[in-house]
Amino acid sequence: MQVKINGKPEEVQGTTVLDLLKAKNIDPQMVAVELNSTMLERDRLATTLVKEGDQLEFLFYMGGGR
């Protein structure tokens, strides 16, 4: 099915958000996920299904600064 991840169209298998993160080798503890403009709680990643046309944003935590 077709979804958008960080603004780019991608073809993915029917899955949960957590499965999608694992398939992309993204540690769920190091990313915040927005699905269709709604932030997902971490405890919902394993139960939230990704559907055709969904828009996901993966927001990564970064260290640094002075």
PDB file of N, CA and C in Angstrom:
ATOM      1  N   MET A   1       0.837  -1.174   0.000  1.00  0.00           N
ATOM      2  CA  MET A   1       0.000   0.000   0.000  1.00  0.00           C
ATOM      3  C   MET A   1       0.885   1.241   0.000  1.00  0.00           C
ATOM      4  N   GLN A   2       0.324   2.341  -0.446  1.00  0.00           N
ATOM      5  CA  GLN A   2       1.067   3.597  -0.565  1.00  0.00           C
ATOM      6  C   GLN A   2       0.807   4.477   0.654  1.00  0.00           C
ATOM      7  N   VAL A   3       1.883   4.945   1.281  1.00  0.00           N
ATOM      8  CA  VAL A   3       1.813   5.906   2.383  1.00  0.00           C
ATOM      9  C   VAL A   3       2.884   6.962   2.143  1.00  0.00           C
ATOM     10  N   LYS A   4       2.840   8.025   2.929  1.00  0.00           N
ATOM     11  CA  LYS A   4       3.912   9.026   2.884  1.00  0.00           C
ATOM     12  C   LYS A   4       4.640   8.984   4.210  1.00  0.00           C
ATOM     13  N   ILE A   5       5.970   8.907   4.134  1.00  0.00           N
ATOM     14  CA  ILE A   5       6.813   8.938   5.324  1.00  0.00           C
ATOM     15  C   ILE A   5       7.748  10.120   5.192  1.00  0.00           C
ATOM     16  N   ASN A   6       7.634  11.052   6.124  1.00  0.00           N
ATOM     17  CA  ASN A   6       8.407  12.298   6.093  1.00  0.00           C
ATOM     18  C   ASN A   6       8.293  12.983   4.736  1.00  0.00           C
ATOM     19  N   GLY A   7       7.053  12.986   4.197  1.00  0.00           N
ATOM     20  CA  GLY A   7       6.757  13.696   2.952  1.00  0.00           C
ATOM     21  C   GLY A   7       7.064  12.949   1.674  1.00  0.00           C
ATOM     22  N   LYS A   8       7.637  11.738   1.774  1.00  0.00           N
ATOM     23  CA  LYS A   8       8.003  10.988   0.572  1.00  0.00           C
ATOM     24  C   LYS A   8       7.106   9.763   0.425  1.00  0.00           C
ATOM     25  N   PRO A   9       6.544   9.546  -0.773  1.00  0.00           N
ATOM     26  CA  PRO A   9       5.709   8.360  -0.987  1.00  0.00           C
ATOM     27  C   PRO A   9       6.537   7.081  -0.851  1.00  0.00           C
ATOM     28  N   GLU A  10       5.983   6.104  -0.164  1.00  0.00           N
ATOM     29  CA  GLU A  10       6.641   4.805  -0.016  1.00  0.00           C
ATOM     30  C   GLU A  10       5.607   3.698  -0.115  1.00  0.00           C
ATOM     31  N   GLU A  11       6.040   2.584  -0.618  1.00  0.00           N
ATOM     32  CA  GLU A  11       5.216   1.383  -0.688  1.00  0.00           C
ATOM     33  C   GLU A  11       5.568   0.514   0.522  1.00  0.00           C
ATOM     34  N   VAL A  12       4.575   0.188   1.350  1.00  0.00           N
ATOM     35  CA  VAL A  12       4.812  -0.631   2.538  1.00  0.00           C
ATOM     36  C   VAL A  12       3.779  -1.751   2.589  1.00  0.00           C
ATOM     37  N   GLN A  13       4.093  -2.768   3.373  1.00  0.00           N
ATOM     38  CA  GLN A  13       3.149  -3.858   3.606  1.00  0.00           C
ATOM     39  C   GLN A  13       2.177  -3.437   4.702  1.00  0.00           C
ATOM     40  N   GLY A  14       0.975  -4.015   4.698  1.00  0.00           N
ATOM     41  CA  GLY A  14       0.015  -3.767   5.773  1.00  0.00           C
ATOM     42  C   GLY A  14       0.634  -4.172   7.097  1.00  0.00           C
ATOM     43  N   THR A  15       0.696  -3.252   8.032  1.00  0.00           N
ATOM     44  CA  THR A  15       1.471  -3.486   9.243  1.00  0.00           C
ATOM     45  C   THR A  15       1.090  -2.494  10.328  1.00  0.00           C
ATOM     46  N   THR A  16       1.700  -2.650  11.484  1.00  0.00           N
ATOM     47  CA  THR A  16       1.544  -1.657  12.547  1.00  0.00           C
ATOM     48  C   THR A  16       2.669  -0.627  12.429  1.00  0.00           C
ATOM     49  N   VAL A  17       2.530   0.456  13.135  1.00  0.00           N
ATOM     50  CA  VAL A  17       3.567   1.478  13.134  1.00  0.00           C
ATOM     51  C   VAL A  17       4.871   0.892  13.689  1.00  0.00           C
ATOM     52  N   LEU A  18       4.786   0.099  14.757  1.00  0.00           N
ATOM     53  CA  LEU A  18       5.990  -0.501  15.339  1.00  0.00           C
ATOM     54  C   LEU A  18       6.681  -1.430  14.337  1.00  0.00           C
ATOM     55  N   ASP A  19       5.919  -2.242  13.613  1.00  0.00           N
ATOM     56  CA  ASP A  19       6.513  -3.124  12.605  1.00  0.00           C
ATOM     57  C   ASP A  19       7.209  -2.316  11.512  1.00  0.00           C
ATOM     58  N   LEU A  20       6.619  -1.201  11.134  1.00  0.00           N
ATOM     59  CA  LEU A  20       7.218  -0.338  10.115  1.00  0.00           C
ATOM     60  C   LEU A  20       8.539   0.245  10.616  1.00  0.00           C
ATOM     61  N   LEU A  21       8.560   0.688  11.881  1.00  0.00           N
ATOM     62  CA  LEU A  21       9.812   1.202  12.453  1.00  0.00           C
ATOM     63  C   LEU A  21      10.886   0.125  12.460  1.00  0.00           C
ATOM     64  N   LYS A  22      10.523  -1.089  12.868  1.00  0.00           N
ATOM     65  CA  LYS A  22      11.489  -2.196  12.904  1.00  0.00           C
ATOM     66  C   LYS A  22      12.010  -2.512  11.502  1.00  0.00           C
ATOM     67  N   ALA A  23      11.126  -2.505  10.507  1.00  0.00           N
ATOM     68  CA  ALA A  23      11.530  -2.802   9.129  1.00  0.00           C
ATOM     69  C   ALA A  23      12.518  -1.758   8.610  1.00  0.00           C
ATOM     70  N   LYS A  24      12.431  -0.539   9.130  1.00  0.00           N
ATOM     71  CA  LYS A  24      13.340   0.529   8.721  1.00  0.00           C
ATOM     72  C   LYS A  24      14.539   0.660   9.674  1.00  0.00           C
ATOM     73  N   ASN A  25      14.684  -0.293  10.604  1.00  0.00           N
ATOM     74  CA  ASN A  25      15.785  -0.284  11.584  1.00  0.00           C
ATOM     75  C   ASN A  25      15.814   0.999  12.403  1.00  0.00           C
ATOM     76  N   ILE A  26      14.630   1.443  12.834  1.00  0.00           N
ATOM     77  CA  ILE A  26      14.517   2.636  13.668  1.00  0.00           C
ATOM     78  C   ILE A  26      14.132   2.191  15.072  1.00  0.00           C
ATOM     79  N   ASP A  27      14.930   2.595  16.050  1.00  0.00           N
ATOM     80  CA  ASP A  27      14.658   2.285  17.449  1.00  0.00           C
ATOM     81  C   ASP A  27      13.457   3.121  17.911  1.00  0.00           C
ATOM     82  N   PRO A  28      12.359   2.482  18.328  1.00  0.00           N
ATOM     83  CA  PRO A  28      11.171   3.236  18.737  1.00  0.00           C
ATOM     84  C   PRO A  28      11.405   4.167  19.922  1.00  0.00           C
ATOM     85  N   GLN A  29      12.462   3.939  20.689  1.00  0.00           N
ATOM     86  CA  GLN A  29      12.773   4.819  21.814  1.00  0.00           C
ATOM     87  C   GLN A  29      13.478   6.102  21.363  1.00  0.00           C
ATOM     88  N   MET A  30      13.933   6.134  20.115  1.00  0.00           N
ATOM     89  CA  MET A  30      14.701   7.276  19.621  1.00  0.00           C
ATOM     90  C   MET A  30      13.924   8.141  18.632  1.00  0.00           C
ATOM     91  N   VAL A  31      12.612   7.905  18.526  1.00  0.00           N
ATOM     92  CA  VAL A  31      11.817   8.630  17.538  1.00  0.00           C
ATOM     93  C   VAL A  31      10.431   8.918  18.107  1.00  0.00           C
ATOM     94  N   ALA A  32       9.892  10.068  17.737  1.00  0.00           N
ATOM     95  CA  ALA A  32       8.486  10.369  17.999  1.00  0.00           C
ATOM     96  C   ALA A  32       7.763  10.173  16.666  1.00  0.00           C
ATOM     97  N   VAL A  33       6.538   9.660  16.726  1.00  0.00           N
ATOM     98  CA  VAL A  33       5.805   9.362  15.493  1.00  0.00           C
ATOM     99  C   VAL A  33       4.519  10.175  15.457  1.00  0.00           C
ATOM    100  N   GLU A  34       4.331  10.836  14.319  1.00  0.00           N
ATOM    101  CA  GLU A  34       3.101  11.568  14.064  1.00  0.00           C
ATOM    102  C   GLU A  34       2.386  10.839  12.933  1.00  0.00           C
ATOM    103  N   LEU A  35       1.132  10.494  13.146  1.00  0.00           N
ATOM    104  CA  LEU A  35       0.325   9.805  12.138  1.00  0.00           C
ATOM    105  C   LEU A  35      -0.850  10.695  11.786  1.00  0.00           C
ATOM    106  N   ASN A  36      -0.898  11.107  10.528  1.00  0.00           N
ATOM    107  CA  ASN A  36      -1.979  11.985  10.051  1.00  0.00           C
ATOM    108  C   ASN A  36      -2.172  13.185  10.981  1.00  0.00           C
ATOM    109  N   SER A  37      -1.075  13.856  11.302  1.00  0.00           N
ATOM    110  CA  SER A  37      -1.039  15.083  12.109  1.00  0.00           C
ATOM    111  C   SER A  37      -1.362  14.880  13.590  1.00  0.00           C
ATOM    112  N   THR A  38      -1.357  13.628  14.058  1.00  0.00           N
ATOM    113  CA  THR A  38      -1.603  13.332  15.473  1.00  0.00           C
ATOM    114  C   THR A  38      -0.406  12.584  16.041  1.00  0.00           C
ATOM    115  N   MET A  39       0.142  13.103  17.143  1.00  0.00           N
ATOM    116  CA  MET A  39       1.261  12.417  17.786  1.00  0.00           C
ATOM    117  C   MET A  39       0.764  11.120  18.420  1.00  0.00           C
ATOM    118  N   LEU A  40       1.521  10.042  18.227  1.00  0.00           N
ATOM    119  CA  LEU A  40       1.163   8.753  18.821  1.00  0.00           C
ATOM    120  C   LEU A  40       1.929   8.549  20.117  1.00  0.00           C
ATOM    121  N   GLU A  41       1.239   8.052  21.113  1.00  0.00           N
ATOM    122  CA  GLU A  41       1.903   7.655  22.349  1.00  0.00           C
ATOM    123  C   GLU A  41       2.712   6.393  22.050  1.00  0.00           C
ATOM    124  N   ARG A  42       3.852   6.261  22.684  1.00  0.00           N
ATOM    125  CA  ARG A  42       4.736   5.117  22.437  1.00  0.00           C
ATOM    126  C   ARG A  42       4.026   3.772  22.688  1.00  0.00           C
ATOM    127  N   ASP A  43       3.137   3.736  23.677  1.00  0.00           N
ATOM    128  CA  ASP A  43       2.459   2.477  23.984  1.00  0.00           C
ATOM    129  C   ASP A  43       1.397   2.097  22.954  1.00  0.00           C
ATOM    130  N   ARG A  44       1.149   2.962  21.972  1.00  0.00           N
ATOM    131  CA  ARG A  44       0.190   2.651  20.910  1.00  0.00           C
ATOM    132  C   ARG A  44       0.855   2.236  19.597  1.00  0.00           C
ATOM    133  N   LEU A  45       2.185   2.296  19.531  1.00  0.00           N
ATOM    134  CA  LEU A  45       2.884   1.976  18.278  1.00  0.00           C
ATOM    135  C   LEU A  45       2.605   0.540  17.813  1.00  0.00           C
ATOM    136  N   ALA A  46       2.526  -0.390  18.751  1.00  0.00           N
ATOM    137  CA  ALA A  46       2.345  -1.807  18.399  1.00  0.00           C
ATOM    138  C   ALA A  46       0.914  -2.139  18.011  1.00  0.00           C
ATOM    139  N   THR A  47      -0.035  -1.270  18.337  1.00  0.00           N
ATOM    140  CA  THR A  47      -1.440  -1.578  18.054  1.00  0.00           C
ATOM    141  C   THR A  47      -2.065  -0.679  16.993  1.00  0.00           C
ATOM    142  N   THR A  48      -1.334   0.340  16.555  1.00  0.00           N
ATOM    143  CA  THR A  48      -1.861   1.257  15.549  1.00  0.00           C
ATOM    144  C   THR A  48      -1.518   0.748  14.159  1.00  0.00           C
ATOM    145  N   LEU A  49      -2.551   0.461  13.374  1.00  0.00           N
ATOM    146  CA  LEU A  49      -2.353  -0.051  12.018  1.00  0.00           C
ATOM    147  C   LEU A  49      -2.081   1.087  11.046  1.00  0.00           C
ATOM    148  N   VAL A  50      -1.192   0.831  10.094  1.00  0.00           N
ATOM    149  CA  VAL A  50      -0.916   1.764   9.010  1.00  0.00           C
ATOM    150  C   VAL A  50      -1.859   1.414   7.868  1.00  0.00           C
ATOM    151  N   LYS A  51      -2.555   2.445   7.347  1.00  0.00           N
ATOM    152  CA  LYS A  51      -3.541   2.231   6.295  1.00  0.00           C
ATOM    153  C   LYS A  51      -3.153   2.988   5.023  1.00  0.00           C
ATOM    154  N   GLU A  52      -3.708   2.556   3.914  1.00  0.00           N
ATOM    155  CA  GLU A  52      -3.497   3.198   2.611  1.00  0.00           C
ATOM    156  C   GLU A  52      -3.718   4.707   2.746  1.00  0.00           C
ATOM    157  N   GLY A  53      -2.745   5.494   2.249  1.00  0.00           N
ATOM    158  CA  GLY A  53      -2.863   6.935   2.229  1.00  0.00           C
ATOM    159  C   GLY A  53      -2.449   7.636   3.511  1.00  0.00           C
ATOM    160  N   ASP A  54      -2.062   6.879   4.540  1.00  0.00           N
ATOM    161  CA  ASP A  54      -1.619   7.505   5.791  1.00  0.00           C
ATOM    162  C   ASP A  54      -0.372   8.349   5.558  1.00  0.00           C
ATOM    163  N   GLN A  55      -0.222   9.379   6.392  1.00  0.00           N
ATOM    164  CA  GLN A  55       0.971  10.218   6.365  1.00  0.00           C
ATOM    165  C   GLN A  55       1.653  10.110   7.720  1.00  0.00           C
ATOM    166  N   LEU A  56       2.896   9.659   7.694  1.00  0.00           N
ATOM    167  CA  LEU A  56       3.672   9.487   8.921  1.00  0.00           C
ATOM    168  C   LEU A  56       4.850  10.441   8.919  1.00  0.00           C
ATOM    169  N   GLU A  57       5.148  10.965  10.080  1.00  0.00           N
ATOM    170  CA  GLU A  57       6.356  11.763  10.281  1.00  0.00           C
ATOM    171  C   GLU A  57       7.138  11.099  11.396  1.00  0.00           C
ATOM    172  N   PHE A  58       8.406  10.806  11.137  1.00  0.00           N
ATOM    173  CA  PHE A  58       9.303  10.262  12.145  1.00  0.00           C
ATOM    174  C   PHE A  58      10.198  11.409  12.601  1.00  0.00           C
ATOM    175  N   LEU A  59      10.082  11.780  13.855  1.00  0.00           N
ATOM    176  CA  LEU A  59      10.831  12.908  14.413  1.00  0.00           C
ATOM    177  C   LEU A  59      11.904  12.351  15.333  1.00  0.00           C
ATOM    178  N   PHE A  60      13.161  12.530  14.930  1.00  0.00           N
ATOM    179  CA  PHE A  60      14.278  11.924  15.646  1.00  0.00           C
ATOM    180  C   PHE A  60      14.832  12.853  16.696  1.00  0.00           C
ATOM    181  N   TYR A  61      15.187  12.273  17.837  1.00  0.00           N
ATOM    182  CA  TYR A  61      15.830  13.025  18.911  1.00  0.00           C
ATOM    183  C   TYR A  61      17.310  13.158  18.559  1.00  0.00           C
ATOM    184  N   MET A  62      17.826  14.371  18.713  1.00  0.00           N
ATOM    185  CA  MET A  62      19.230  14.607  18.402  1.00  0.00           C
ATOM    186  C   MET A  62      19.887  15.323  19.573  1.00  0.00           C
ATOM    187  N   GLY A  63      21.078  14.888  19.885  1.00  0.00           N
ATOM    188  CA  GLY A  63      21.851  15.553  20.920  1.00  0.00           C
ATOM    189  C   GLY A  63      22.730  16.615  20.304  1.00  0.00           C
ATOM    190  N   GLY A  64      23.353  17.362  21.132  1.00  0.00           N
ATOM    191  CA  GLY A  64      24.290  18.352  20.606  1.00  0.00           C
ATOM    192  C   GLY A  64      24.096  19.692  21.282  1.00  0.00           C
ATOM    193  N   GLY A  65      24.610  20.688  20.651  1.00  0.00           N
ATOM    194  CA  GLY A  65      24.549  22.025  21.221  1.00  0.00           C
ATOM    195  C   GLY A  65      25.826  22.362  21.937  1.00  0.00           C
ATOM    196  N   ARG A  66      25.759  23.436  22.650  1.00  0.00           N
ATOM    197  CA  ARG A  66      26.967  23.873  23.356  1.00  0.00           C
ATOM    198  C   ARG A  66      26.809  23.724  24.830  1.00  0.00           C
TER     199      ARG A  66
END
